[in-house]
C-alpha atoms as a PDB file:
ATOM      1  CA  MET A   1      -9.504   3.749 -18.925  1.00  0.00           C
ATOM      2  CA  SER A   2      -7.327   5.888 -21.190  1.00  0.00           C
ATOM      3  CA  LEU A   3      -3.636   5.232 -21.741  1.00  0.00           C
ATOM      4  CA  GLY A   4      -2.763   8.392 -19.822  1.00  0.00           C
ATOM      5  CA  GLN A   5      -4.874   7.308 -16.854  1.00  0.00           C
ATOM      6  CA  ALA A   6      -3.284   3.874 -16.910  1.00  0.00           C
ATOM      7  CA  ILE A   7       0.235   5.322 -16.894  1.00  0.00           C
ATOM      8  CA  THR A   8      -0.694   7.676 -14.039  1.00  0.00           C
ATOM      9  CA  LEU A   9      -2.094   4.750 -12.070  1.00  0.00           C
ATOM     10  CA  VAL A  10       0.998   2.663 -12.694  1.00  0.00           C
ATOM     11  CA  ARG A  11       3.239   5.533 -11.647  1.00  0.00           C
ATOM     12  CA  PHE A  12       1.246   6.002  -8.433  1.00  0.00           C
ATOM     13  CA  ALA A  13       1.480   2.285  -7.748  1.00  0.00           C
ATOM     14  CA  VAL A  14       5.249   2.339  -8.155  1.00  0.00           C
ATOM     15  CA  LEU A  15       5.469   5.310  -5.795  1.00  0.00           C
ATOM     16  CA  CYS A  16       3.565   3.176  -3.307  1.00  0.00           C
ATOM     17  CA  ALA A  17       6.066   0.388  -3.803  1.00  0.00           C
ATOM     18  CA  LEU A  18       9.030   2.648  -3.093  1.00  0.00           C
ATOM     19  CA  PHE A  19      10.388   2.498   0.418  1.00  0.00           C
ATOM     20  CA  ILE A  20       8.436  -0.546   1.611  1.00  0.00           C
ATOM     21  CA  GLY A  21       5.305   0.668  -0.142  1.00  0.00           C
ATOM     22  CA  TYR A  22       2.947   1.860   2.574  1.00  0.00           C
ATOM     23  CA  CYS A  23       0.043   3.557   0.816  1.00  0.00           C
ATOM     24  CA  ARG A  24      -3.062   2.366   2.646  1.00  0.00           C
ATOM     25  CA  SER A  25      -4.724   5.084   4.710  1.00  0.00           C
ATOM     26  CA  SER A  26      -5.226   2.638   7.583  1.00  0.00           C
ATOM     27  CA  TYR A  27      -1.484   2.892   8.175  1.00  0.00           C
ATOM     28  CA  ALA A  28      -1.508   6.694   8.551  1.00  0.00           C
ATOM     29  CA  ALA A  29       1.020   8.115  10.992  1.00  0.00           C
ATOM     30  CA  GLU A  30      -0.218   9.288  14.368  1.00  0.00           C
ATOM     31  CA  ILE A  31       0.502  12.989  14.874  1.00  0.00           C
ATOM     32  CA  GLU A  32       0.151  14.328  18.424  1.00  0.00           C
ATOM     33  CA  VAL A  33       0.524  18.014  19.269  1.00  0.00           C
ATOM     34  CA  ASP A  34       0.782  19.474  22.770  1.00  0.00           C
ATOM     35  CA  LEU A  35       2.672  22.773  22.664  1.00  0.00           C
ATOM     36  CA  HIS A  36       2.929  22.833  26.473  1.00  0.00           C
ATOM     37  CA  ARG A  37       4.638  19.450  26.673  1.00  0.00           C
ATOM     38  CA  ARG A  38       8.405  19.133  27.109  1.00  0.00           C
ATOM     39  CA  PRO A  39      10.492  18.125  25.300  1.00  0.00           C
ATOM     40  CA  CYS A  40       8.272  16.543  22.610  1.00  0.00           C
ATOM     41  CA  GLN A  41       5.651  19.157  21.763  1.00  0.00           C
ATOM     42  CA  ILE A  42       4.960  17.168  18.601  1.00  0.00           C
ATOM     43  CA  ARG A  43       5.140  13.398  18.143  1.00  0.00           C
ATOM     44  CA  ILE A  44       4.978  11.632  14.779  1.00  0.00           C
ATOM     45  CA  SER A  45       4.773   7.860  15.039  1.00  0.00           C
ATOM     46  CA  GLY A  46       3.819   5.023  12.711  1.00  0.00           C
ATOM     47  CA  VAL A  47       3.975   4.751   8.952  1.00  0.00           C
ATOM     48  CA  ILE A  48       4.049   7.958   6.895  1.00  0.00           C
ATOM     49  CA  VAL A  49       1.382   8.131   4.182  1.00  0.00           C
ATOM     50  CA  HIS A  50       0.030  10.641   1.681  1.00  0.00           C
ATOM     51  CA  GLY A  51      -1.908  13.354   3.508  1.00  0.00           C
ATOM     52  CA  ASP A  52       0.193  13.419   6.682  1.00  0.00           C
ATOM     53  CA  LEU A  53       1.614  16.848   5.797  1.00  0.00           C
ATOM     54  CA  LEU A  54      -1.894  18.352   5.670  1.00  0.00           C
ATOM     55  CA  THR A  55      -2.721  16.701   8.992  1.00  0.00           C
ATOM     56  CA  PHE A  56       0.500  18.064  10.463  1.00  0.00           C
ATOM     57  CA  LYS A  57      -0.265  21.610   9.289  1.00  0.00           C
ATOM     58  CA  SER A  58      -3.866  21.450  10.493  1.00  0.00           C
ATOM     59  CA  LYS A  59      -2.774  20.709  14.073  1.00  0.00           C
ATOM     60  CA  LEU A  60      -0.475  23.729  14.367  1.00  0.00           C
ATOM     61  CA  PRO A  61      -1.548  27.364  14.868  1.00  0.00           C
ATOM     62  CA  ASN A  62       0.586  28.693  11.999  1.00  0.00           C
ATOM     63  CA  GLY A  63       1.072  25.571   9.906  1.00  0.00           C
ATOM     64  CA  CYS A  64       4.695  25.338   8.821  1.00  0.00           C
ATOM     65  CA  GLU A  65       5.469  28.985   9.513  1.00  0.00           C
ATOM     66  CA  ILE A  66       7.648  29.538  12.582  1.00  0.00           C
ATOM     67  CA  ALA A  67       7.438  32.899  14.359  1.00  0.00           C
ATOM     68  CA  LYS A  68       9.994  31.990  17.059  1.00  0.00           C
ATOM     69  CA  ALA A  69      11.953  28.959  18.236  1.00  0.00           C
ATOM     70  CA  GLY A  70       9.895  26.077  16.929  1.00  0.00           C
ATOM     71  CA  PRO A  71       8.625  23.043  18.808  1.00  0.00           C
ATOM     72  CA  ILE A  72      10.614  19.816  19.037  1.00  0.00           C
ATOM     73  CA  ILE A  73       9.321  16.937  16.909  1.00  0.00           C
ATOM     74  CA  CYS A  74       9.906  13.448  18.284  1.00  0.00           C
ATOM     75  CA  LEU A  75       9.879  10.729  15.639  1.00  0.00           C
ATOM     76  CA  ASN A  76       9.269   6.998  15.841  1.00  0.00           C
ATOM     77  CA  SER A  77       8.572   5.546  12.403  1.00  0.00           C
ATOM     78  CA  PRO A  78       9.771   2.727  10.105  1.00  0.00           C
ATOM     79  CA  GLY A  79       9.285   5.010   7.085  1.00  0.00           C
ATOM     80  CA  GLY A  80       6.565   5.018   4.442  1.00  0.00           C
ATOM     81  CA  ASP A  81       5.644   7.368   1.606  1.00  0.00           C
ATOM     82  CA  PHE A  82       8.980   8.915   0.697  1.00  0.00           C
ATOM     83  CA  SER A  83       7.581  11.848  -1.295  1.00  0.00           C
ATOM     84  CA  GLU A  84       5.279  12.769   1.582  1.00  0.00           C
ATOM     85  CA  ALA A  85       8.189  12.485   4.023  1.00  0.00           C
ATOM     86  CA  LEU A  86      10.272  14.882   1.930  1.00  0.00           C
ATOM     87  CA  ASP A  87       7.393  17.370   1.887  1.00  0.00           C
ATOM     88  CA  LEU A  88       7.202  17.038   5.671  1.00  0.00           C
ATOM     89  CA  ALA A  89      10.970  17.509   5.854  1.00  0.00           C
ATOM     90  CA  GLY A  90      10.667  20.756   3.890  1.00  0.00           C
ATOM     91  CA  CYS A  91       8.178  21.975   6.477  1.00  0.00           C
ATOM     92  CA  VAL A  92      10.389  20.844   9.380  1.00  0.00           C
ATOM     93  CA  ALA A  93      13.366  22.703   7.877  1.00  0.00           C
ATOM     94  CA  LYS A  94      11.574  26.000   8.433  1.00  0.00           C
ATOM     95  CA  GLY A  95      12.402  25.885  12.131  1.00  0.00           C
ATOM     96  CA  TYR A  96      11.505  22.643  13.914  1.00  0.00           C
ATOM     97  CA  SER A  97      14.079  20.657  15.872  1.00  0.00           C
ATOM     98  CA  THR A  98      13.892  16.858  15.745  1.00  0.00           C
ATOM     99  CA  TYR A  99      14.636  14.222  18.377  1.00  0.00           C
ATOM    100  CA  LEU A 100      14.590  10.443  18.733  1.00  0.00           C
ATOM    101  CA  GLU A 101      13.542   9.394  22.221  1.00  0.00           C
ATOM    102  CA  PRO A 102      14.999   6.368  24.056  1.00  0.00           C
ATOM    103  CA  ASN A 103      14.500   3.163  22.020  1.00  0.00           C
ATOM    104  CA  ALA A 104      12.766   5.042  19.191  1.00  0.00           C
ATOM    105  CA  THR A 105      13.291   3.949  15.568  1.00  0.00           C
ATOM    106  CA  CYS A 106      13.478   6.268  12.572  1.00  0.00           C
ATOM    107  CA  GLU A 107      14.354   4.584   9.296  1.00  0.00           C
ATOM    108  CA  SER A 108      13.924   4.999   5.552  1.00  0.00           C
ATOM    109  CA  ALA A 109      11.661   7.980   4.750  1.00  0.00           C
ATOM    110  CA  CYS A 110      11.535   8.998   8.425  1.00  0.00           C
ATOM    111  CA  SER A 111      15.284   9.569   8.532  1.00  0.00           C
ATOM    112  CA  TRP A 112      15.038  12.452   6.047  1.00  0.00           C
ATOM    113  CA  ILE A 113      12.440  14.176   8.225  1.00  0.00           C
ATOM    114  CA  PHE A 114      14.795  13.780  11.164  1.00  0.00           C
ATOM    115  CA  ILE A 115      17.819  15.176   9.342  1.00  0.00           C
ATOM    116  CA  ALA A 116      15.809  18.302   8.403  1.00  0.00           C
ATOM    117  CA  GLY A 117      15.718  19.451  12.034  1.00  0.00           C
ATOM    118  CA  ILE A 118      16.674  23.122  12.437  1.00  0.00           C
ATOM    119  CA  ASN A 119      16.689  25.383  15.457  1.00  0.00           C
ATOM    120  CA  HIS A 120      15.493  28.914  14.674  1.00  0.00           C
ATOM    121  CA  ASP A 121      16.270  31.760  17.088  1.00  0.00           C
ATOM    122  CA  ARG A 122      17.137  35.465  17.002  1.00  0.00           C
ATOM    123  CA  GLY A 123      20.719  34.702  16.040  1.00  0.00           C
ATOM    124  CA  GLY A 124      19.621  32.799  12.937  1.00  0.00           C
ATOM    125  CA  THR A 125      19.352  29.086  12.311  1.00  0.00           C
ATOM    126  CA  SER A 126      21.465  26.173  13.524  1.00  0.00           C
ATOM    127  CA  LEU A 127      21.167  22.422  13.100  1.00  0.00           C
ATOM    128  CA  GLY A 128      18.706  20.993  15.584  1.00  0.00           C
ATOM    129  CA  ARG A 129      18.584  17.199  15.454  1.00  0.00           C
ATOM    130  CA  SER A 130      19.607  14.753  18.170  1.00  0.00           C
ATOM    131  CA  ILE A 131      19.085  11.140  19.144  1.00  0.00           C
ATOM    132  CA  HIS A 132      19.109   9.252  22.414  1.00  0.00           C
ATOM    133  CA  VAL A 133      21.966   6.804  22.587  1.00  0.00           C
ATOM    134  CA  THR A 134      19.480   3.875  22.525  1.00  0.00           C
ATOM    135  CA  ALA A 135      17.553   5.131  19.465  1.00  0.00           C
ATOM    136  CA  LYS A 136      17.979   3.707  15.959  1.00  0.00           C
ATOM    137  CA  LEU A 137      18.462   5.947  12.919  1.00  0.00           C
ATOM    138  CA  GLY A 138      18.894   4.372   9.482  1.00  0.00           C
ATOM    139  CA  PHE A 139      19.026   5.527   5.853  1.00  0.00           C
ATOM    140  CA  HIS A 140      18.720   3.638   2.552  1.00  0.00           C
ATOM    141  CA  ALA A 141      18.083   4.258  -1.141  1.00  0.00           C
ATOM    142  CA  PRO A 142      14.731   3.928  -3.008  1.00  0.00           C
ATOM    143  CA  TYR A 143      13.736   0.448  -4.073  1.00  0.00           C
ATOM    144  CA  ILE A 144      10.771  -1.565  -5.332  1.00  0.00           C
ATOM    145  CA  ASP A 145       9.608  -4.463  -3.217  1.00  0.00           C
ATOM    146  CA  PRO A 146       9.648  -7.503  -5.586  1.00  0.00           C
ATOM    147  CA  SER A 147       6.405  -8.765  -4.056  1.00  0.00           C
ATOM    148  CA  PHE A 148       4.734  -5.633  -5.432  1.00  0.00           C
ATOM    149  CA  ILE A 149       4.933  -7.015  -8.980  1.00  0.00           C
ATOM    150  CA  GLU A 150       3.173 -10.184  -7.864  1.00  0.00           C
ATOM    151  CA  GLN A 151       0.486  -8.158  -6.091  1.00  0.00           C
ATOM    152  CA  GLN A 152      -0.270  -6.262  -9.286  1.00  0.00           C
ATOM    153  CA  ARG A 153      -1.057  -9.488 -11.119  1.00  0.00           C
ATOM    154  CA  ASP A 154      -3.813 -10.248  -8.632  1.00  0.00           C
ATOM    155  CA  SER A 155      -5.258  -6.732  -8.509  1.00  0.00           C
ATOM    156  CA  ASN A 156      -7.625  -4.743 -10.713  1.00  0.00           C
ATOM    157  CA  THR A 157      -4.886  -2.380 -11.874  1.00  0.00           C
ATOM    158  CA  PRO A 158      -3.588  -2.549 -15.469  1.00  0.00           C
ATOM    159  CA  PRO A 159      -0.908  -5.206 -16.077  1.00  0.00           C
ATOM    160  CA  LEU A 160       2.475  -3.800 -15.110  1.00  0.00           C
ATOM    161  CA  SER A 161       4.987  -4.382 -17.889  1.00  0.00           C
ATOM    162  CA  ILE A 162       8.723  -4.186 -17.303  1.00  0.00           C
ATOM    163  CA  HIS A 163       8.869  -1.047 -19.467  1.00  0.00           C
ATOM    164  CA  ASP A 164       6.107   0.654 -17.458  1.00  0.00           C
ATOM    165  CA  ALA A 165       7.702  -0.335 -14.168  1.00  0.00           C
ATOM    166  CA  VAL A 166      11.121   1.014 -15.160  1.00  0.00           C
ATOM    167  CA  ASP A 167       9.656   4.234 -16.571  1.00  0.00           C
ATOM    168  CA  ALA A 168       7.524   4.837 -13.484  1.00  0.00           C
ATOM    169  CA  TYR A 169      10.419   3.982 -11.199  1.00  0.00           C
ATOM    170  CA  ASP A 170      12.690   6.454 -13.014  1.00  0.00           C
ATOM    171  CA  GLN A 171      10.099   9.218 -12.681  1.00  0.00           C
ATOM    172  CA  ALA A 172       9.513   8.441  -9.014  1.00  0.00           C
ATOM    173  CA  VAL A 173      13.216   8.426  -8.187  1.00  0.00           C
ATOM    174  CA  SER A 174      13.646  11.683 -10.103  1.00  0.00           C
ATOM    175  CA  GLU A 175      10.961  13.336  -7.971  1.00  0.00           C
ATOM    176  CA  ILE A 176      12.512  11.948  -4.814  1.00  0.00           C
ATOM    177  CA  GLY A 177      15.947  13.166  -5.920  1.00  0.00           C
ATOM    178  CA  LYS A 178      14.621  16.681  -6.484  1.00  0.00           C
ATOM    179  CA  GLY A 179      13.100  16.656  -3.008  1.00  0.00           C
ATOM    180  CA  ILE A 180      16.386  15.612  -1.414  1.00  0.00           C
ATOM    181  CA  LEU A 181      18.308  18.234  -3.387  1.00  0.00           C
ATOM    182  CA  ARG A 182      15.943  20.941  -2.155  1.00  0.00           C
ATOM    183  CA  LEU A 183      16.839  19.948   1.399  1.00  0.00           C
ATOM    184  CA  ALA A 184      20.540  19.689   0.575  1.00  0.00           C
ATOM    185  CA  LYS A 185      20.592  23.320  -0.609  1.00  0.00           C
ATOM    186  CA  ILE A 186      19.505  24.591   2.815  1.00  0.00           C
ATOM    187  CA  HIS A 187      22.293  25.908   5.069  1.00  0.00           C
ATOM    188  CA  THR A 188      22.309  27.249   8.605  1.00  0.00           C
ATOM    189  CA  SER A 189      22.826  30.991   9.070  1.00  0.00           C
ATOM    190  CA  HIS A 190      24.198  31.160  12.620  1.00  0.00           C
ATOM    191  CA  GLY A 191      27.876  30.680  13.439  1.00  0.00           C
ATOM    192  CA  ARG A 192      29.555  28.100  11.220  1.00  0.00           C
ATOM    193  CA  LEU A 193      27.442  27.721   8.089  1.00  0.00           C
ATOM    194  CA  LEU A 194      26.512  24.068   7.710  1.00  0.00           C
ATOM    195  CA  PRO A 195      24.449  22.214   5.074  1.00  0.00           C
ATOM    196  CA  LEU A 196      21.296  20.499   6.229  1.00  0.00           C
ATOM    197  CA  ILE A 197      22.470  17.301   4.525  1.00  0.00           C
ATOM    198  CA  ASP A 198      26.186  16.623   4.380  1.00  0.00           C
ATOM    199  CA  ALA A 199      27.341  15.450   0.954  1.00  0.00           C
ATOM    200  CA  SER A 200      28.952  12.330   2.405  1.00  0.00           C
ATOM    201  CA  LEU A 201      25.714  11.351   4.173  1.00  0.00           C
ATOM    202  CA  LEU A 202      23.782  11.753   0.945  1.00  0.00           C
ATOM    203  CA  ALA A 203      26.303   9.694  -1.006  1.00  0.00           C
ATOM    204  CA  GLU A 204      26.478   6.875   1.531  1.00  0.00           C
ATOM    205  CA  ALA A 205      22.699   6.719   2.082  1.00  0.00           C
ATOM    206  CA  LEU A 206      21.856   6.416  -1.601  1.00  0.00           C
ATOM    207  CA  VAL A 207      24.039   3.350  -2.151  1.00  0.00           C
ATOM    208  CA  ARG A 208      22.402   1.382   0.672  1.00  0.00           C
ATOM    209  CA  SER A 209      19.601  -1.140   0.236  1.00  0.00           C
ATOM    210  CA  PRO A 210      16.888  -1.742   2.857  1.00  0.00           C
ATOM    211  CA  LYS A 211      18.743  -4.926   3.831  1.00  0.00           C
ATOM    212  CA  GLU A 212      21.918  -2.937   4.444  1.00  0.00           C
ATOM    213  CA  LEU A 213      20.825   0.211   6.253  1.00  0.00           C
ATOM    214  CA  LEU A 214      23.233   3.053   6.816  1.00  0.00           C
ATOM    215  CA  LEU A 215      22.949   3.132  10.593  1.00  0.00           C
ATOM    216  CA  VAL A 216      24.113   6.152  12.544  1.00  0.00           C
ATOM    217  CA  ASP A 217      25.722   4.103  15.282  1.00  0.00           C
ATOM    218  CA  THR A 218      29.240   5.435  15.908  1.00  0.00           C
ATOM    219  CA  VAL A 219      30.839   8.523  17.393  1.00  0.00           C
ATOM    220  CA  GLY A 220      32.431   9.238  14.032  1.00  0.00           C
ATOM    221  CA  LYS A 221      29.080   9.270  12.207  1.00  0.00           C
ATOM    222  CA  VAL A 222      27.247  11.568  14.624  1.00  0.00           C
ATOM    223  CA  THR A 223      30.250  13.907  14.669  1.00  0.00           C
ATOM    224  CA  ARG A 224      30.672  13.859  10.904  1.00  0.00           C
ATOM    225  CA  TRP A 225      27.004  14.546  10.225  1.00  0.00           C
ATOM    226  CA  ASN A 226      26.426  16.970  13.128  1.00  0.00           C
ATOM    227  CA  ILE A 227      23.843  14.915  15.020  1.00  0.00           C
ATOM    228  CA  GLY A 228      23.518  15.471  18.752  1.00  0.00           C
ATOM    229  CA  VAL A 229      23.410  12.551  21.179  1.00  0.00           C
ATOM    230  CA  THR A 230      21.707  12.425  24.581  1.00  0.00           C
ATOM    231  CA  GLY A 231      21.796   9.837  27.344  1.00  0.00           C
ATOM    232  CA  VAL A 232      25.561   9.328  27.150  1.00  0.00           C
ATOM    233  CA  ARG A 233      27.357   8.819  30.431  1.00  0.00           C
ATOM    234  CA  LYS A 234      30.924   9.950  30.987  1.00  0.00           C
ATOM    235  CA  VAL A 235      33.307   7.420  29.530  1.00  0.00           C
ATOM    236  CA  LEU A 236      36.862   6.676  30.621  1.00  0.00           C
ATOM    237  CA  PRO A 237      39.230   5.302  27.970  1.00  0.00           C
ATOM    238  CA  ARG A 238      39.960   1.612  28.464  1.00  0.00           C
ATOM    239  CA  GLY A 239      43.330   1.743  26.770  1.00  0.00           C
ATOM    240  CA  LYS A 240      45.503   3.236  24.047  1.00  0.00           C
ATOM    241  CA  ASP A 241      43.085   2.179  21.278  1.00  0.00           C
ATOM    242  CA  ASP A 242      40.261   4.263  22.775  1.00  0.00           C
ATOM    243  CA  ILE A 243      42.512   7.307  23.067  1.00  0.00           C
ATOM    244  CA  ALA A 244      43.741   6.850  19.497  1.00  0.00           C
ATOM    245  CA  MET A 245      40.163   6.588  18.190  1.00  0.00           C
ATOM    246  CA  ALA A 246      39.156   9.763  20.021  1.00  0.00           C
ATOM    247  CA  CYS A 247      42.133  11.568  18.481  1.00  0.00           C
ATOM    248  CA  ARG A 248      41.292  10.303  14.999  1.00  0.00           C
ATOM    249  CA  ASN A 249      37.669  11.489  15.318  1.00  0.00           C
ATOM    250  CA  ALA A 250      38.803  14.889  16.605  1.00  0.00           C
ATOM    251  CA  LEU A 251      41.352  15.374  13.832  1.00  0.00           C
ATOM    252  CA  ALA A 252      38.865  14.246  11.179  1.00  0.00           C
ATOM    253  CA  TYR A 253      36.289  16.708  12.480  1.00  0.00           C
ATOM    254  CA  VAL A 254      38.732  19.634  12.559  1.00  0.00           C
ATOM    255  CA  ASN A 255      40.225  18.878   9.140  1.00  0.00           C
ATOM    256  CA  GLU A 256      36.937  17.654   7.582  1.00  0.00           C
ATOM    257  CA  TYR A 257      38.761  14.631   6.222  1.00  0.00           C
ATOM    258  CA  TRP A 258      37.077  11.362   7.147  1.00  0.00           C
ATOM    259  CA  ASP A 259      38.664   8.927   4.738  1.00  0.00           C
END
């Protein structure tokens, strides 16, 4: 094996280690397509692995190209291959809405697919992502599972030095960063122009570790990041604190000042 091949292999291995490190094909996500089903014409569940984008495209008449209002994609995934997820997100951002059904989970790499949801109609594009009130949506930054280093010692891959690991990690994170920035540059074109990824969401997500997920679990967060919520019953304020909180959220939304 040449030095170049060894470095490529190490880099691939580190990419596998990022975001919980699912790279075995046996863990491939399940992609179901039924364009006559409502509301989830497409369902993506399970761990995201390399090759899922090609599978996704192969199951749709026009691949990623949307001729009219696109289908709704329902997600239920703990994450997986982050680079593949960002490629999927780029496809989703062409006109697919996203939704988390009751009790669904979408974390890590999956969350970036979810946030790419866009509704495409004759008036232009608008953000199209929503969650059921019982669903779980969580973001975190890239990381390497420490057990990965131990696994390499028992495998047939070249020994992974600290220098190689850091270099490969830097390259992997750089690629991931470029993918996120591509999404962040996308804006809606209908009504109030909004970025696909709010700057504050990006900043807060990338300082979180897998043990400290950025959960979208408050009224302030879904309002701030323009995420729809379903399954919410009418709520009556229980006291002055509830009214004050509602006023604070409303003022923050209008003034775009959340701190």
